[in-house]
Amino acid sequence: MRQIVLDTETTGLEPKDGHRIIEIGCVELVGRKLTGNTFHQYLQPGREIDPGAIEVHGITNEFLADKPVFEDVVDDFVEFIRGAELVIHNAPFDVGFINHELQLCDHGIQVADICGVLDTLKMARRMHAGQKNNLDALCKRYMIDNSSRDLHGALLDAEILADVYLAMTGGQVTLSLGDGEESASGAHLAQPVRRLDSDRPALRVIHPDSDELAAHDACIENLSKAAGGQAIWQKDSTH
């Protein structure tokens, strides 16, 4: 599966109030691995940035003065995301802004026409109900390094979200009992299977005594009563 982890920065909170995208950041995952392919673009929005938004992302009107407008990069952007599943934290916000920009430049498509969308905020709220689930909280929960995130930035946040998403959805992929080498990322490296000698002494078999057998039978009887029928182990008369 090809996935694009995406984030945007904007001039404000609502496209219906005329706010625009000023930065798009995307990183590509294929088969749950970062490929190194990215899409990153600052955009000149044609309007002033709200002071509150500048406090969040630090992008100023002066910085964007010579940047391209969305219409100049839309074809490259659409080609980059086409056919992928977008992974976005609070997807309605970013998708709403992208659809607004596509409409303004009369591109003729919306995100749903070319991409699937996975909302990691919705996913996190299911997994961690009643807890904080913003990106910083998830980084802390999954031990993702976000020390460079003094301000929001679309590409940086997309890179961090990719790590968070992989941690959220990865589960346990290896079993480590604490011995063996570790990789630079802290993951234990697989060790060769150690074969036992064929002429080794036979393993000692310890049989249960009468008290242990009686305790076992009582436990099975309790399980059978709780299940409302005969426990499967009672079908075998041998111990």
Protein backbone atom coordinates (compact mmCIF):
# COMPACT_ATOMS: atom_id res chain seq x y z
CA MET A 1 0.00 0.00 0.00
CA ARG A 2 1.17 3.51 -0.81
CA GLN A 3 0.38 6.04 1.90
CA ILE A 4 1.09 9.76 2.09
CA VAL A 5 1.40 11.27 5.55
CA LEU A 6 0.26 14.86 5.12
CA ASP A 7 0.08 18.08 7.10
CA THR A 8 -0.71 21.69 6.24
CA GLU A 9 -0.23 25.10 7.82
CA THR A 10 -2.77 27.83 7.13
CA THR A 11 -3.46 31.52 7.57
CA GLY A 12 -6.27 30.75 10.03
CA LEU A 13 -8.84 28.20 11.05
CA GLU A 14 -11.68 28.37 8.51
CA PRO A 15 -11.55 28.28 4.71
CA LYS A 16 -15.10 29.65 4.64
CA ASP A 17 -13.65 32.83 6.17
CA GLY A 18 -11.19 33.15 3.30
CA HIS A 19 -8.23 31.47 4.98
CA ARG A 20 -5.69 29.68 2.79
CA ILE A 21 -2.98 27.06 2.91
CA ILE A 22 0.54 28.45 3.30
CA GLU A 23 2.54 25.21 3.66
CA ILE A 24 2.04 21.61 2.56
CA GLY A 25 4.28 18.80 3.80
CA CYS A 26 4.02 15.15 2.70
CA VAL A 27 6.12 12.04 3.26
CA GLU A 28 5.62 8.76 1.43
CA LEU A 29 5.20 5.31 2.96
CA VAL A 30 5.19 2.17 0.84
CA GLY A 31 4.60 -1.11 2.63
CA ARG A 32 4.85 0.76 5.96
CA LYS A 33 8.37 1.96 5.15
CA LEU A 34 9.49 5.53 4.57
CA THR A 35 10.73 5.84 1.00
CA GLY A 36 12.43 9.25 1.31
CA ASN A 37 10.06 10.76 -1.26
CA THR A 38 8.51 13.99 -0.04
CA PHE A 39 6.43 16.90 -1.26
CA HIS A 40 7.07 20.20 0.51
CA GLN A 41 5.94 23.64 -0.58
CA TYR A 42 5.41 27.05 0.98
CA LEU A 43 2.61 29.05 -0.66
CA GLN A 44 1.76 32.72 -1.05
CA PRO A 45 -1.87 32.94 0.13
CA GLY A 46 -2.87 36.34 -1.24
CA ARG A 47 -4.00 37.52 2.19
CA GLU A 48 -2.62 38.33 5.64
CA ILE A 49 -1.89 35.56 8.15
CA ASP A 50 -3.76 35.79 11.43
CA PRO A 51 -1.45 36.76 14.32
CA GLY A 52 -2.63 33.74 16.29
CA ALA A 53 -1.64 31.44 13.44
CA ILE A 54 1.84 32.99 13.26
CA GLU A 55 2.29 32.18 16.95
CA VAL A 56 1.59 28.53 16.15
CA HIS A 57 3.76 27.99 13.05
CA GLY A 58 6.04 31.04 12.93
CA ILE A 59 5.49 31.61 9.19
CA THR A 60 5.27 35.31 8.37
CA ASN A 61 3.72 37.32 5.55
CA GLU A 62 7.18 38.62 4.59
CA PHE A 63 8.58 35.09 4.28
CA LEU A 64 5.80 34.07 1.88
CA ALA A 65 5.97 37.18 -0.32
CA ASP A 66 7.98 35.50 -3.09
CA LYS A 67 6.49 32.00 -2.82
CA PRO A 68 4.28 30.45 -5.54
CA VAL A 69 0.51 30.36 -5.27
CA PHE A 70 -1.35 27.06 -4.94
CA GLU A 71 -2.41 27.08 -8.59
CA ASP A 72 1.26 27.06 -9.62
CA VAL A 73 1.96 23.76 -7.80
CA VAL A 74 -1.44 22.04 -7.85
CA ASP A 75 -0.62 19.63 -10.69
CA ASP A 76 2.57 18.40 -9.00
CA PHE A 77 0.75 18.08 -5.67
CA VAL A 78 -2.19 16.16 -7.13
CA GLU A 79 0.14 13.82 -8.98
CA PHE A 80 2.08 13.14 -5.77
CA ILE A 81 -0.97 12.15 -3.72
CA ARG A 82 -3.05 10.52 -6.47
CA GLY A 83 -4.05 6.93 -5.70
CA ALA A 84 -2.57 6.95 -2.20
CA GLU A 85 -4.17 6.74 1.21
CA LEU A 86 -3.64 10.05 3.01
CA VAL A 87 -2.70 9.72 6.68
CA ILE A 88 -3.67 12.95 8.44
CA HIS A 89 -4.10 14.00 12.08
CA ASN A 90 -7.51 15.70 12.26
CA ALA A 91 -8.19 14.99 8.61
CA PRO A 92 -11.35 17.13 8.19
CA PHE A 93 -9.26 20.27 8.80
CA ASP A 94 -6.58 19.57 6.19
CA VAL A 95 -8.87 17.94 3.64
CA GLY A 96 -11.30 20.85 3.96
CA PHE A 97 -8.54 23.33 3.18
CA ILE A 98 -7.17 21.26 0.29
CA ASN A 99 -10.63 20.90 -1.25
CA HIS A 100 -11.13 24.66 -0.86
CA GLU A 101 -7.85 25.36 -2.70
CA LEU A 102 -8.77 22.89 -5.46
CA GLN A 103 -12.10 24.61 -5.87
CA LEU A 104 -10.56 28.08 -6.00
CA CYS A 105 -8.26 27.12 -8.85
CA ASP A 106 -11.10 25.27 -10.63
CA HIS A 107 -9.15 22.04 -10.77
CA GLY A 108 -12.27 19.91 -11.12
CA ILE A 109 -11.51 17.30 -8.45
CA GLN A 110 -11.75 16.88 -4.70
CA VAL A 111 -9.54 14.77 -2.43
CA ALA A 112 -12.07 11.94 -2.26
CA ASP A 113 -11.92 11.58 -6.05
CA ILE A 114 -8.27 10.49 -6.02
CA CYS A 115 -7.37 9.39 -2.46
CA GLY A 116 -8.52 7.49 0.56
CA VAL A 117 -8.13 9.22 3.92
CA LEU A 118 -7.15 7.81 7.31
CA ASP A 119 -7.63 10.14 10.30
CA THR A 120 -5.08 9.34 13.02
CA LEU A 121 -6.86 11.62 15.51
CA LYS A 122 -10.03 9.56 15.15
CA MET A 123 -7.96 6.40 15.49
CA ALA A 124 -6.19 7.71 18.60
CA ARG A 125 -9.48 8.66 20.23
CA ARG A 126 -10.71 5.09 19.80
CA MET A 127 -7.47 3.62 21.14
CA HIS A 128 -6.95 6.08 24.00
CA ALA A 129 -10.42 7.27 24.96
CA GLY A 130 -10.50 10.07 27.52
CA GLN A 131 -6.83 10.96 27.06
CA LYS A 132 -5.04 13.76 25.24
CA ASN A 133 -4.51 12.75 21.65
CA ASN A 134 -2.80 15.72 20.03
CA LEU A 135 0.47 15.04 18.24
CA ASP A 136 2.67 16.02 21.19
CA ALA A 137 0.70 13.75 23.56
CA LEU A 138 0.99 10.83 21.14
CA CYS A 139 4.74 11.41 20.79
CA LYS A 140 5.08 11.16 24.56
CA ARG A 141 2.87 8.07 24.73
CA TYR A 142 4.76 6.25 21.99
CA MET A 143 8.21 7.63 22.90
CA ILE A 144 8.67 9.46 19.59
CA ASP A 145 11.32 12.19 19.63
CA ASN A 146 9.67 15.54 18.90
CA SER A 147 12.31 17.72 20.57
CA SER A 148 12.78 19.72 17.35
CA ARG A 149 9.10 20.74 17.30
CA ASP A 150 9.28 24.19 18.89
CA LEU A 151 6.79 25.45 16.29
CA HIS A 152 4.39 23.63 14.01
CA GLY A 153 5.70 22.97 10.51
CA ALA A 154 3.96 20.93 7.83
CA LEU A 155 6.89 18.77 6.72
CA LEU A 156 8.27 18.25 10.23
CA ASP A 157 4.83 17.38 11.58
CA ALA A 158 4.24 14.95 8.70
CA GLU A 159 7.54 13.23 9.48
CA ILE A 160 6.67 13.00 13.18
CA LEU A 161 3.14 11.78 12.40
CA ALA A 162 4.58 9.03 10.20
CA ASP A 163 6.57 7.72 13.18
CA VAL A 164 3.52 8.00 15.46
CA TYR A 165 1.26 6.24 12.95
CA LEU A 166 3.70 3.36 12.52
CA ALA A 167 3.98 3.02 16.30
CA MET A 168 0.20 3.13 16.73
CA THR A 169 -0.46 0.46 14.13
CA GLY A 170 2.66 -1.70 14.33
CA GLY A 171 1.92 -3.88 17.33
CA GLN A 172 4.54 -6.39 18.49
CA VAL A 173 6.43 -7.67 15.50
CA THR A 174 9.27 -9.50 17.31
CA LEU A 175 9.64 -11.32 20.61
CA SER A 176 12.69 -10.41 22.62
CA LEU A 177 13.59 -11.86 26.01
CA GLY A 178 16.35 -9.35 26.63
CA ASP A 179 19.38 -11.13 25.21
CA GLY A 180 20.89 -10.64 21.80
CA GLU A 181 22.09 -7.53 20.04
CA GLU A 182 20.14 -4.33 19.55
CA SER A 183 20.01 -2.22 16.43
CA ALA A 184 20.63 1.51 16.49
CA SER A 185 16.87 2.06 16.78
CA GLY A 186 16.72 -0.09 19.90
CA ALA A 187 15.05 -3.07 18.23
CA HIS A 188 16.45 -6.47 19.06
CA LEU A 189 18.07 -8.21 16.13
CA ALA A 190 17.03 -11.75 15.33
CA GLN A 191 19.43 -14.43 16.58
CA PRO A 192 20.14 -17.79 14.90
CA VAL A 193 18.13 -20.75 16.17
CA ARG A 194 20.24 -22.76 18.64
CA ARG A 195 19.83 -26.49 18.02
CA LEU A 196 20.09 -28.88 20.98
CA ASP A 197 22.40 -31.89 20.80
CA SER A 198 20.60 -35.03 19.68
CA ASP A 199 22.36 -37.09 22.41
CA ARG A 200 21.33 -34.79 25.24
CA PRO A 201 19.79 -36.43 28.36
CA ALA A 202 16.04 -36.99 28.28
CA LEU A 203 13.95 -34.31 29.91
CA ARG A 204 12.58 -35.16 33.33
CA VAL A 205 8.80 -35.60 33.40
CA ILE A 206 7.12 -34.63 36.66
CA HIS A 207 3.70 -36.25 37.12
CA PRO A 208 0.99 -34.63 39.26
CA ASP A 209 0.20 -36.13 42.64
CA SER A 210 -3.32 -36.98 43.85
CA ASP A 211 -3.89 -33.57 45.46
CA GLU A 212 -2.92 -31.76 42.27
CA LEU A 213 -5.21 -33.99 40.20
CA ALA A 214 -8.10 -33.31 42.56
CA ALA A 215 -7.48 -29.55 42.35
CA HIS A 216 -7.40 -29.80 38.57
CA ASP A 217 -10.71 -31.69 38.48
CA ALA A 218 -12.32 -29.08 40.76
CA CYS A 219 -11.10 -26.27 38.49
CA ILE A 220 -12.52 -27.97 35.39
CA GLU A 221 -15.83 -28.52 37.18
CA ASN A 222 -16.03 -24.81 38.04
CA LEU A 223 -15.26 -23.88 34.43
CA SER A 224 -17.96 -26.25 33.21
CA LYS A 225 -20.56 -24.74 35.53
CA ALA A 226 -19.58 -21.19 34.51
CA ALA A 227 -19.86 -22.13 30.82
CA GLY A 228 -23.28 -23.67 31.30
CA GLY A 229 -22.21 -27.02 29.95
CA GLN A 230 -19.50 -29.62 29.98
CA ALA A 231 -15.98 -28.30 29.66
CA ILE A 232 -14.13 -29.69 26.65
CA TRP A 233 -11.42 -31.20 28.84
CA GLN A 234 -14.00 -33.45 30.58
CA LYS A 235 -14.50 -35.34 27.35
CA ASP A 236 -11.13 -37.00 27.92
CA SER A 237 -11.23 -39.34 30.88
CA THR A 238 -7.45 -39.54 31.13
CA HIS A 239 -5.32 -37.03 33.01
